[in-house]
């Protein structure tokens, strides 16, 4: 959100879609980390470390996703992209939600 507010021009549809996808998956990461802190031995320091690294990873990963030329994606394609990206993040950072 801060990036959008600081930008001199409004974001393109593709940029909006990438930001939404990034934020959606980031929220899933936070939910999993919170759950692990409550049920497992995940220290707040380790959770914060994973959070920071996951945010950087997401930013890079989302920028590499190929979107349709019209920057429009079906709802199912968007859900699939978010699920795939979340699974990658969970696997890379060994977060419990990995399948």
PDB file of N, CA and C in Angstrom:
ATOM      1  N   UNK A   1       0.824  -1.185   0.000  1.00  0.00           N
ATOM      2  CA  UNK A   1       0.000   0.000   0.000  1.00  0.00           C
ATOM      3  C   UNK A   1       0.868   1.248   0.000  1.00  0.00           C
ATOM      4  N   UNK A   2       1.936   1.212   0.774  1.00  0.00           N
ATOM      5  CA  UNK A   2       2.842   2.358   0.850  1.00  0.00           C
ATOM      6  C   UNK A   2       3.448   2.632  -0.523  1.00  0.00           C
ATOM      7  N   UNK A   3       3.784   1.565  -1.238  1.00  0.00           N
ATOM      8  CA  UNK A   3       4.368   1.720  -2.578  1.00  0.00           C
ATOM      9  C   UNK A   3       3.404   2.451  -3.504  1.00  0.00           C
ATOM     10  N   UNK A   4       2.145   2.114  -3.421  1.00  0.00           N
ATOM     11  CA  UNK A   4       1.128   2.749  -4.272  1.00  0.00           C
ATOM     12  C   UNK A   4       0.984   4.220  -3.910  1.00  0.00           C
ATOM     13  N   UNK A   5       0.959   4.518  -2.619  1.00  0.00           N
ATOM     14  CA  UNK A   5       0.796   5.899  -2.181  1.00  0.00           C
ATOM     15  C   UNK A   5       1.990   6.777  -2.543  1.00  0.00           C
ATOM     16  N   UNK A   6       3.188   6.201  -2.552  1.00  0.00           N
ATOM     17  CA  UNK A   6       4.394   6.964  -2.873  1.00  0.00           C
ATOM     18  C   UNK A   6       4.610   7.140  -4.379  1.00  0.00           C
ATOM     19  N   UNK A   7       3.976   6.287  -5.169  1.00  0.00           N
ATOM     20  CA  UNK A   7       4.166   6.330  -6.622  1.00  0.00           C
ATOM     21  C   UNK A   7       3.622   7.630  -7.202  1.00  0.00           C
ATOM     22  N   UNK A   8       4.292   8.113  -8.244  1.00  0.00           N
ATOM     23  CA  UNK A   8       3.871   9.350  -8.898  1.00  0.00           C
ATOM     24  C   UNK A   8       2.676   9.129  -9.808  1.00  0.00           C
ATOM     25  N   UNK A   9       2.541   7.895 -10.305  1.00  0.00           N
ATOM     26  CA  UNK A   9       1.434   7.553 -11.192  1.00  0.00           C
ATOM     27  C   UNK A   9       0.660   6.381 -10.589  1.00  0.00           C
ATOM     28  N   UNK A  10      -0.612   6.277 -10.925  1.00  0.00           N
ATOM     29  CA  UNK A  10      -1.364   5.123 -10.428  1.00  0.00           C
ATOM     30  C   UNK A  10      -0.778   3.828 -10.996  1.00  0.00           C
ATOM     31  N   UNK A  11      -0.886   2.739 -10.253  1.00  0.00           N
ATOM     32  CA  UNK A  11      -0.332   1.475 -10.753  1.00  0.00           C
ATOM     33  C   UNK A  11      -1.131   0.941 -11.934  1.00  0.00           C
ATOM     34  N   UNK A  12      -0.457   0.195 -12.761  1.00  0.00           N
ATOM     35  CA  UNK A  12      -1.130  -0.466 -13.877  1.00  0.00           C
ATOM     36  C   UNK A  12      -1.932  -1.639 -13.331  1.00  0.00           C
ATOM     37  N   UNK A  13      -2.773  -2.203 -14.167  1.00  0.00           N
ATOM     38  CA  UNK A  13      -3.547  -3.370 -13.739  1.00  0.00           C
ATOM     39  C   UNK A  13      -2.619  -4.516 -13.351  1.00  0.00           C
ATOM     40  N   UNK A  14      -1.564  -4.706 -14.112  1.00  0.00           N
ATOM     41  CA  UNK A  14      -0.615  -5.782 -13.812  1.00  0.00           C
ATOM     42  C   UNK A  14       0.061  -5.542 -12.466  1.00  0.00           C
ATOM     43  N   UNK A  15       0.450  -4.314 -12.178  1.00  0.00           N
ATOM     44  CA  UNK A  15       1.083  -3.996 -10.898  1.00  0.00           C
ATOM     45  C   UNK A  15       0.105  -4.225  -9.747  1.00  0.00           C
ATOM     46  N   UNK A  16      -1.134  -3.820  -9.946  1.00  0.00           N
ATOM     47  CA  UNK A  16      -2.144  -4.030  -8.909  1.00  0.00           C
ATOM     48  C   UNK A  16      -2.349  -5.511  -8.636  1.00  0.00           C
ATOM     49  N   UNK A  17      -2.398  -6.299  -9.696  1.00  0.00           N
ATOM     50  CA  UNK A  17      -2.602  -7.724  -9.543  1.00  0.00           C
ATOM     51  C   UNK A  17      -1.425  -8.361  -8.807  1.00  0.00           C
ATOM     52  N   UNK A  18      -0.222  -7.954  -9.168  1.00  0.00           N
ATOM     53  CA  UNK A  18       0.971  -8.494  -8.499  1.00  0.00           C
ATOM     54  C   UNK A  18       0.994  -8.109  -7.017  1.00  0.00           C
ATOM     55  N   UNK A  19       0.666  -6.873  -6.712  1.00  0.00           N
ATOM     56  CA  UNK A  19       0.645  -6.428  -5.316  1.00  0.00           C
ATOM     57  C   UNK A  19      -0.420  -7.172  -4.515  1.00  0.00           C
ATOM     58  N   UNK A  20      -1.581  -7.365  -5.114  1.00  0.00           N
ATOM     59  CA  UNK A  20      -2.648  -8.083  -4.428  1.00  0.00           C
ATOM     60  C   UNK A  20      -2.232  -9.526  -4.156  1.00  0.00           C
ATOM     61  N   UNK A  21      -1.645 -10.166  -5.145  1.00  0.00           N
ATOM     62  CA  UNK A  21      -1.175 -11.541  -4.996  1.00  0.00           C
ATOM     63  C   UNK A  21      -0.108 -11.627  -3.910  1.00  0.00           C
ATOM     64  N   UNK A  22       0.830 -10.709  -3.950  1.00  0.00           N
ATOM     65  CA  UNK A  22       1.906 -10.673  -2.958  1.00  0.00           C
ATOM     66  C   UNK A  22       1.340 -10.512  -1.549  1.00  0.00           C
ATOM     67  N   UNK A  23       0.412  -9.597  -1.384  1.00  0.00           N
ATOM     68  CA  UNK A  23      -0.171  -9.349  -0.067  1.00  0.00           C
ATOM     69  C   UNK A  23      -1.034 -10.511   0.415  1.00  0.00           C
ATOM     70  N   UNK A  24      -1.740 -11.138  -0.501  1.00  0.00           N
ATOM     71  CA  UNK A  24      -2.575 -12.286  -0.137  1.00  0.00           C
ATOM     72  C   UNK A  24      -1.715 -13.425   0.409  1.00  0.00           C
ATOM     73  N   UNK A  25      -0.646 -13.736  -0.279  1.00  0.00           N
ATOM     74  CA  UNK A  25       0.232 -14.822   0.164  1.00  0.00           C
ATOM     75  C   UNK A  25       0.970 -14.424   1.442  1.00  0.00           C
ATOM     76  N   UNK A  26       1.372 -13.164   1.542  1.00  0.00           N
ATOM     77  CA  UNK A  26       2.043 -12.685   2.753  1.00  0.00           C
ATOM     78  C   UNK A  26       1.136 -12.864   3.975  1.00  0.00           C
ATOM     79  N   UNK A  27      -0.138 -12.580   3.811  1.00  0.00           N
ATOM     80  CA  UNK A  27      -1.088 -12.777   4.910  1.00  0.00           C
ATOM     81  C   UNK A  27      -1.182 -14.253   5.293  1.00  0.00           C
ATOM     82  N   UNK A  28      -1.138 -15.148   4.298  1.00  0.00           N
ATOM     83  CA  UNK A  28      -1.164 -16.574   4.595  1.00  0.00           C
ATOM     84  C   UNK A  28       0.077 -16.983   5.391  1.00  0.00           C
ATOM     85  N   UNK A  29       1.211 -16.421   5.032  1.00  0.00           N
ATOM     86  CA  UNK A  29       2.455 -16.692   5.763  1.00  0.00           C
ATOM     87  C   UNK A  29       2.316 -16.236   7.213  1.00  0.00           C
ATOM     88  N   UNK A  30       1.777 -15.045   7.416  1.00  0.00           N
ATOM     89  CA  UNK A  30       1.617 -14.530   8.775  1.00  0.00           C
ATOM     90  C   UNK A  30       0.673 -15.404   9.604  1.00  0.00           C
ATOM     91  N   UNK A  31      -0.394 -15.890   8.980  1.00  0.00           N
ATOM     92  CA  UNK A  31      -1.336 -16.765   9.679  1.00  0.00           C
ATOM     93  C   UNK A  31      -0.628 -18.051  10.114  1.00  0.00           C
ATOM     94  N   UNK A  32       0.150 -18.631   9.203  1.00  0.00           N
ATOM     95  CA  UNK A  32       0.872 -19.866   9.534  1.00  0.00           C
ATOM     96  C   UNK A  32       1.902 -19.625  10.639  1.00  0.00           C
ATOM     97  N   UNK A  33       2.616 -18.515  10.558  1.00  0.00           N
ATOM     98  CA  UNK A  33       3.612 -18.217  11.592  1.00  0.00           C
ATOM     99  C   UNK A  33       2.952 -18.008  12.953  1.00  0.00           C
ATOM    100  N   UNK A  34       1.838 -17.320  12.969  1.00  0.00           N
ATOM    101  CA  UNK A  34       1.105 -17.096  14.222  1.00  0.00           C
ATOM    102  C   UNK A  34       0.630 -18.419  14.798  1.00  0.00           C
ATOM    103  N   UNK A  35       0.125 -19.272  13.949  1.00  0.00           N
ATOM    104  CA  UNK A  35      -0.329 -20.585  14.383  1.00  0.00           C
ATOM    105  C   UNK A  35       0.820 -21.385  14.978  1.00  0.00           C
ATOM    106  N   UNK A  36       1.967 -21.341  14.324  1.00  0.00           N
ATOM    107  CA  UNK A  36       3.125 -22.082  14.825  1.00  0.00           C
ATOM    108  C   UNK A  36       3.620 -21.535  16.158  1.00  0.00           C
ATOM    109  N   UNK A  37       3.551 -20.234  16.333  1.00  0.00           N
ATOM    110  CA  UNK A  37       3.981 -19.653  17.597  1.00  0.00           C
ATOM    111  C   UNK A  37       3.089 -20.146  18.734  1.00  0.00           C
ATOM    112  N   UNK A  38       1.820 -20.358  18.450  1.00  0.00           N
ATOM    113  CA  UNK A  38       0.879 -20.800  19.489  1.00  0.00           C
ATOM    114  C   UNK A  38       0.989 -22.283  19.783  1.00  0.00           C
ATOM    115  N   UNK A  39       1.290 -23.091  18.774  1.00  0.00           N
ATOM    116  CA  UNK A  39       1.224 -24.543  18.938  1.00  0.00           C
ATOM    117  C   UNK A  39       2.581 -25.247  18.954  1.00  0.00           C
ATOM    118  N   UNK A  40       3.631 -24.561  18.517  1.00  0.00           N
ATOM    119  CA  UNK A  40       4.945 -25.198  18.426  1.00  0.00           C
ATOM    120  C   UNK A  40       6.000 -24.298  19.058  1.00  0.00           C
ATOM    121  N   UNK A  41       7.211 -24.743  19.010  1.00  0.00           N
ATOM    122  CA  UNK A  41       8.309 -23.974  19.593  1.00  0.00           C
ATOM    123  C   UNK A  41       8.925 -23.021  18.575  1.00  0.00           C
ATOM    124  N   UNK A  42       8.158 -22.104  18.081  1.00  0.00           N
ATOM    125  CA  UNK A  42       8.673 -21.078  17.175  1.00  0.00           C
ATOM    126  C   UNK A  42       8.801 -19.789  17.973  1.00  0.00           C
ATOM    127  N   UNK A  43      10.032 -19.352  18.126  1.00  0.00           N
ATOM    128  CA  UNK A  43      10.259 -18.143  18.920  1.00  0.00           C
ATOM    129  C   UNK A  43       9.830 -16.909  18.131  1.00  0.00           C
ATOM    130  N   UNK A  44       9.490 -15.837  18.834  1.00  0.00           N
ATOM    131  CA  UNK A  44       9.143 -14.598  18.133  1.00  0.00           C
ATOM    132  C   UNK A  44      10.278 -14.107  17.230  1.00  0.00           C
ATOM    133  N   UNK A  45      11.510 -14.282  17.661  1.00  0.00           N
ATOM    134  CA  UNK A  45      12.644 -13.843  16.847  1.00  0.00           C
ATOM    135  C   UNK A  45      12.721 -14.625  15.543  1.00  0.00           C
ATOM    136  N   UNK A  46      12.524 -15.951  15.622  1.00  0.00           N
ATOM    137  CA  UNK A  46      12.568 -16.785  14.418  1.00  0.00           C
ATOM    138  C   UNK A  46      11.381 -16.458  13.504  1.00  0.00           C
ATOM    139  N   UNK A  47      10.225 -16.226  14.083  1.00  0.00           N
ATOM    140  CA  UNK A  47       9.044 -15.858  13.283  1.00  0.00           C
ATOM    141  C   UNK A  47       9.300 -14.557  12.537  1.00  0.00           C
ATOM    142  N   UNK A  48       9.893 -13.581  13.204  1.00  0.00           N
ATOM    143  CA  UNK A  48      10.190 -12.292  12.570  1.00  0.00           C
ATOM    144  C   UNK A  48      11.200 -12.481  11.444  1.00  0.00           C
ATOM    145  N   UNK A  49      12.206 -13.315  11.670  1.00  0.00           N
ATOM    146  CA  UNK A  49      13.218 -13.584  10.643  1.00  0.00           C
ATOM    147  C   UNK A  49      12.572 -14.200   9.396  1.00  0.00           C
ATOM    148  N   UNK A  50      11.709 -15.184   9.614  1.00  0.00           N
ATOM    149  CA  UNK A  50      11.017 -15.821   8.486  1.00  0.00           C
ATOM    150  C   UNK A  50      10.119 -14.816   7.784  1.00  0.00           C
ATOM    151  N   UNK A  51       9.422 -13.992   8.549  1.00  0.00           N
ATOM    152  CA  UNK A  51       8.528 -12.989   7.970  1.00  0.00           C
ATOM    153  C   UNK A  51       9.278 -12.040   7.038  1.00  0.00           C
ATOM    154  N   UNK A  52      10.417 -11.526   7.497  1.00  0.00           N
ATOM    155  CA  UNK A  52      11.194 -10.578   6.698  1.00  0.00           C
ATOM    156  C   UNK A  52      11.716 -11.250   5.426  1.00  0.00           C
ATOM    157  N   UNK A  53      12.248 -12.445   5.563  1.00  0.00           N
ATOM    158  CA  UNK A  53      12.783 -13.158   4.401  1.00  0.00           C
ATOM    159  C   UNK A  53      11.672 -13.542   3.429  1.00  0.00           C
ATOM    160  N   UNK A  54      10.532 -13.948   3.962  1.00  0.00           N
ATOM    161  CA  UNK A  54       9.407 -14.333   3.104  1.00  0.00           C
ATOM    162  C   UNK A  54       8.897 -13.137   2.306  1.00  0.00           C
ATOM    163  N   UNK A  55       8.879 -11.965   2.935  1.00  0.00           N
ATOM    164  CA  UNK A  55       8.410 -10.761   2.241  1.00  0.00           C
ATOM    165  C   UNK A  55       9.316 -10.439   1.051  1.00  0.00           C
ATOM    166  N   UNK A  56      10.627 -10.541   1.254  1.00  0.00           N
ATOM    167  CA  UNK A  56      11.575 -10.298   0.155  1.00  0.00           C
ATOM    168  C   UNK A  56      11.409 -11.356  -0.936  1.00  0.00           C
ATOM    169  N   UNK A  57      11.274 -12.596  -0.527  1.00  0.00           N
ATOM    170  CA  UNK A  57      11.087 -13.690  -1.473  1.00  0.00           C
ATOM    171  C   UNK A  57       9.823 -13.485  -2.304  1.00  0.00           C
ATOM    172  N   UNK A  58       8.753 -13.087  -1.650  1.00  0.00           N
ATOM    173  CA  UNK A  58       7.486 -12.847  -2.353  1.00  0.00           C
ATOM    174  C   UNK A  58       7.620 -11.724  -3.372  1.00  0.00           C
ATOM    175  N   UNK A  59       8.269 -10.651  -2.969  1.00  0.00           N
ATOM    176  CA  UNK A  59       8.439  -9.514  -3.876  1.00  0.00           C
ATOM    177  C   UNK A  59       9.143  -9.958  -5.155  1.00  0.00           C
ATOM    178  N   UNK A  60      10.199 -10.738  -5.002  1.00  0.00           N
ATOM    179  CA  UNK A  60      10.949 -11.220  -6.156  1.00  0.00           C
ATOM    180  C   UNK A  60      10.125 -12.211  -6.973  1.00  0.00           C
ATOM    181  N   UNK A  61       9.492 -13.154  -6.291  1.00  0.00           N
ATOM    182  CA  UNK A  61       8.718 -14.190  -6.982  1.00  0.00           C
ATOM    183  C   UNK A  61       7.548 -13.615  -7.764  1.00  0.00           C
ATOM    184  N   UNK A  62       6.836 -12.694  -7.151  1.00  0.00           N
ATOM    185  CA  UNK A  62       5.666 -12.110  -7.814  1.00  0.00           C
ATOM    186  C   UNK A  62       6.082 -11.296  -9.033  1.00  0.00           C
ATOM    187  N   UNK A  63       7.225 -10.643  -8.959  1.00  0.00           N
ATOM    188  CA  UNK A  63       7.670  -9.841 -10.107  1.00  0.00           C
ATOM    189  C   UNK A  63       7.995 -10.714 -11.315  1.00  0.00           C
ATOM    190  N   UNK A  64       8.273 -12.004 -11.085  1.00  0.00           N
ATOM    191  CA  UNK A  64       8.627 -12.916 -12.168  1.00  0.00           C
ATOM    192  C   UNK A  64       7.427 -13.653 -12.770  1.00  0.00           C
ATOM    193  N   UNK A  65       6.268 -13.533 -12.128  1.00  0.00           N
ATOM    194  CA  UNK A  65       5.084 -14.229 -12.634  1.00  0.00           C
ATOM    195  C   UNK A  65       4.636 -13.607 -13.950  1.00  0.00           C
ATOM    196  N   UNK A  66       4.413 -14.469 -14.926  1.00  0.00           N
ATOM    197  CA  UNK A  66       3.958 -13.993 -16.234  1.00  0.00           C
ATOM    198  C   UNK A  66       2.441 -13.861 -16.198  1.00  0.00           C
ATOM    199  N   UNK A  67       1.991 -12.665 -16.475  1.00  0.00           N
ATOM    200  CA  UNK A  67       0.550 -12.400 -16.502  1.00  0.00           C
ATOM    201  C   UNK A  67       0.080 -12.344 -17.944  1.00  0.00           C
ATOM    202  N   UNK A  68      -1.204 -12.587 -18.158  1.00  0.00           N
ATOM    203  CA  UNK A  68      -1.742 -12.426 -19.516  1.00  0.00           C
ATOM    204  C   UNK A  68      -1.500 -10.998 -20.001  1.00  0.00           C
ATOM    205  N   UNK A  69      -1.396 -10.810 -21.297  1.00  0.00           N
ATOM    206  CA  UNK A  69      -1.105  -9.485 -21.847  1.00  0.00           C
ATOM    207  C   UNK A  69      -2.119  -8.433 -21.416  1.00  0.00           C
ATOM    208  N   UNK A  70      -3.337  -8.839 -21.181  1.00  0.00           N
ATOM    209  CA  UNK A  70      -4.359  -7.875 -20.772  1.00  0.00           C
ATOM    210  C   UNK A  70      -4.333  -7.623 -19.268  1.00  0.00           C
ATOM    211  N   UNK A  71      -3.461  -8.341 -18.565  1.00  0.00           N
ATOM    212  CA  UNK A  71      -3.343  -8.249 -17.107  1.00  0.00           C
ATOM    213  C   UNK A  71      -4.636  -8.670 -16.429  1.00  0.00           C
ATOM    214  N   UNK A  72      -5.417  -9.463 -17.132  1.00  0.00           N
ATOM    215  CA  UNK A  72      -6.633 -10.001 -16.535  1.00  0.00           C
ATOM    216  C   UNK A  72      -6.448 -11.498 -16.374  1.00  0.00           C
ATOM    217  N   UNK A  73      -6.944 -11.975 -15.298  1.00  0.00           N
ATOM    218  CA  UNK A  73      -6.780 -13.378 -14.982  1.00  0.00           C
ATOM    219  C   UNK A  73      -8.118 -13.867 -14.440  1.00  0.00           C
ATOM    220  N   UNK A  74      -8.472 -15.075 -14.796  1.00  0.00           N
ATOM    221  CA  UNK A  74      -9.715 -15.613 -14.247  1.00  0.00           C
ATOM    222  C   UNK A  74      -9.548 -15.792 -12.739  1.00  0.00           C
ATOM    223  N   UNK A  75     -10.667 -15.844 -12.060  1.00  0.00           N
ATOM    224  CA  UNK A  75     -10.619 -16.022 -10.606  1.00  0.00           C
ATOM    225  C   UNK A  75      -9.905 -17.318 -10.256  1.00  0.00           C
ATOM    226  N   UNK A  76     -10.185 -18.376 -10.989  1.00  0.00           N
ATOM    227  CA  UNK A  76      -9.558 -19.666 -10.697  1.00  0.00           C
ATOM    228  C   UNK A  76      -8.050 -19.619 -10.956  1.00  0.00           C
ATOM    229  N   UNK A  77      -7.639 -18.961 -12.022  1.00  0.00           N
ATOM    230  CA  UNK A  77      -6.207 -18.842 -12.310  1.00  0.00           C
ATOM    231  C   UNK A  77      -5.508 -18.045 -11.215  1.00  0.00           C
ATOM    232  N   UNK A  78      -6.169 -17.022 -10.704  1.00  0.00           N
ATOM    233  CA  UNK A  78      -5.589 -16.209  -9.629  1.00  0.00           C
ATOM    234  C   UNK A  78      -5.457 -17.040  -8.353  1.00  0.00           C
ATOM    235  N   UNK A  79      -6.487 -17.791  -8.008  1.00  0.00           N
ATOM    236  CA  UNK A  79      -6.454 -18.655  -6.817  1.00  0.00           C
ATOM    237  C   UNK A  79      -5.344 -19.690  -6.970  1.00  0.00           C
ATOM    238  N   UNK A  80      -5.221 -20.262  -8.161  1.00  0.00           N
ATOM    239  CA  UNK A  80      -4.168 -21.248  -8.404  1.00  0.00           C
ATOM    240  C   UNK A  80      -2.781 -20.623  -8.253  1.00  0.00           C
ATOM    241  N   UNK A  81      -2.601 -19.422  -8.778  1.00  0.00           N
ATOM    242  CA  UNK A  81      -1.311 -18.737  -8.658  1.00  0.00           C
ATOM    243  C   UNK A  81      -0.986 -18.442  -7.198  1.00  0.00           C
ATOM    244  N   UNK A  82      -1.977 -18.001  -6.438  1.00  0.00           N
ATOM    245  CA  UNK A  82      -1.761 -17.705  -5.019  1.00  0.00           C
ATOM    246  C   UNK A  82      -1.428 -18.982  -4.247  1.00  0.00           C
ATOM    247  N   UNK A  83      -2.141 -20.056  -4.510  1.00  0.00           N
ATOM    248  CA  UNK A  83      -1.896 -21.324  -3.813  1.00  0.00           C
ATOM    249  C   UNK A  83      -0.512 -21.869  -4.142  1.00  0.00           C
ATOM    250  N   UNK A  84      -0.136 -21.799  -5.402  1.00  0.00           N
ATOM    251  CA  UNK A  84       1.179 -22.283  -5.820  1.00  0.00           C
ATOM    252  C   UNK A  84       2.289 -21.465  -5.159  1.00  0.00           C
ATOM    253  N   UNK A  85       2.129 -20.165  -5.163  1.00  0.00           N
ATOM    254  CA  UNK A  85       3.131 -19.297  -4.549  1.00  0.00           C
ATOM    255  C   UNK A  85       3.204 -19.527  -3.042  1.00  0.00           C
ATOM    256  N   UNK A  86       2.067 -19.669  -2.392  1.00  0.00           N
ATOM    257  CA  UNK A  86       2.055 -19.929  -0.947  1.00  0.00           C
ATOM    258  C   UNK A  86       2.765 -21.248  -0.643  1.00  0.00           C
ATOM    259  N   UNK A  87       2.493 -22.280  -1.433  1.00  0.00           N
ATOM    260  CA  UNK A  87       3.162 -23.563  -1.230  1.00  0.00           C
ATOM    261  C   UNK A  87       4.677 -23.434  -1.370  1.00  0.00           C
ATOM    262  N   UNK A  88       5.123 -22.651  -2.348  1.00  0.00           N
ATOM    263  CA  UNK A  88       6.566 -22.440  -2.528  1.00  0.00           C
ATOM    264  C   UNK A  88       7.174 -21.753  -1.311  1.00  0.00           C
ATOM    265  N   UNK A  89       6.501 -20.718  -0.829  1.00  0.00           N
ATOM    266  CA  UNK A  89       7.009 -19.985   0.337  1.00  0.00           C
ATOM    267  C   UNK A  89       7.050 -20.906   1.549  1.00  0.00           C
ATOM    268  N   UNK A  90       5.983 -21.673   1.759  1.00  0.00           N
ATOM    269  CA  UNK A  90       5.941 -22.584   2.895  1.00  0.00           C
ATOM    270  C   UNK A  90       7.080 -23.605   2.811  1.00  0.00           C
ATOM    271  N   UNK A  91       7.335 -24.115   1.608  1.00  0.00           N
ATOM    272  CA  UNK A  91       8.397 -25.101   1.432  1.00  0.00           C
ATOM    273  C   UNK A  91       9.782 -24.478   1.641  1.00  0.00           C
ATOM    274  N   UNK A  92      10.015 -23.303   1.045  1.00  0.00           N
ATOM    275  CA  UNK A  92      11.320 -22.650   1.152  1.00  0.00           C
ATOM    276  C   UNK A  92      11.657 -22.330   2.603  1.00  0.00           C
ATOM    277  N   UNK A  93      10.677 -21.856   3.351  1.00  0.00           N
ATOM    278  CA  UNK A  93      10.934 -21.444   4.729  1.00  0.00           C
ATOM    279  C   UNK A  93      10.508 -22.491   5.747  1.00  0.00           C
ATOM    280  N   UNK A  94      10.171 -23.710   5.237  1.00  0.00           N
ATOM    281  CA  UNK A  94       9.790 -24.825   6.102  1.00  0.00           C
ATOM    282  C   UNK A  94       8.689 -24.454   7.087  1.00  0.00           C
ATOM    283  N   UNK A  95       7.693 -23.787   6.562  1.00  0.00           N
ATOM    284  CA  UNK A  95       6.524 -23.420   7.352  1.00  0.00           C
ATOM    285  C   UNK A  95       5.554 -24.584   7.295  1.00  0.00           C
ATOM    286  N   UNK A  96       4.913 -24.884   8.380  1.00  0.00           N
ATOM    287  CA  UNK A  96       4.059 -26.059   8.522  1.00  0.00           C
ATOM    288  C   UNK A  96       3.007 -26.210   7.441  1.00  0.00           C
ATOM    289  N   UNK A  97       2.506 -25.144   6.871  1.00  0.00           N
ATOM    290  CA  UNK A  97       1.439 -25.215   5.888  1.00  0.00           C
ATOM    291  C   UNK A  97       1.836 -25.872   4.590  1.00  0.00           C
ATOM    292  N   UNK A  98       3.108 -26.234   4.431  1.00  0.00           N
ATOM    293  CA  UNK A  98       3.563 -26.841   3.179  1.00  0.00           C
ATOM    294  C   UNK A  98       2.885 -28.191   2.993  1.00  0.00           C
ATOM    295  N   UNK A  99       2.546 -28.492   1.744  1.00  0.00           N
ATOM    296  CA  UNK A  99       1.878 -29.769   1.432  1.00  0.00           C
ATOM    297  C   UNK A  99       2.864 -30.732   0.851  1.00  0.00           C
TER     298      UNK A  99
END
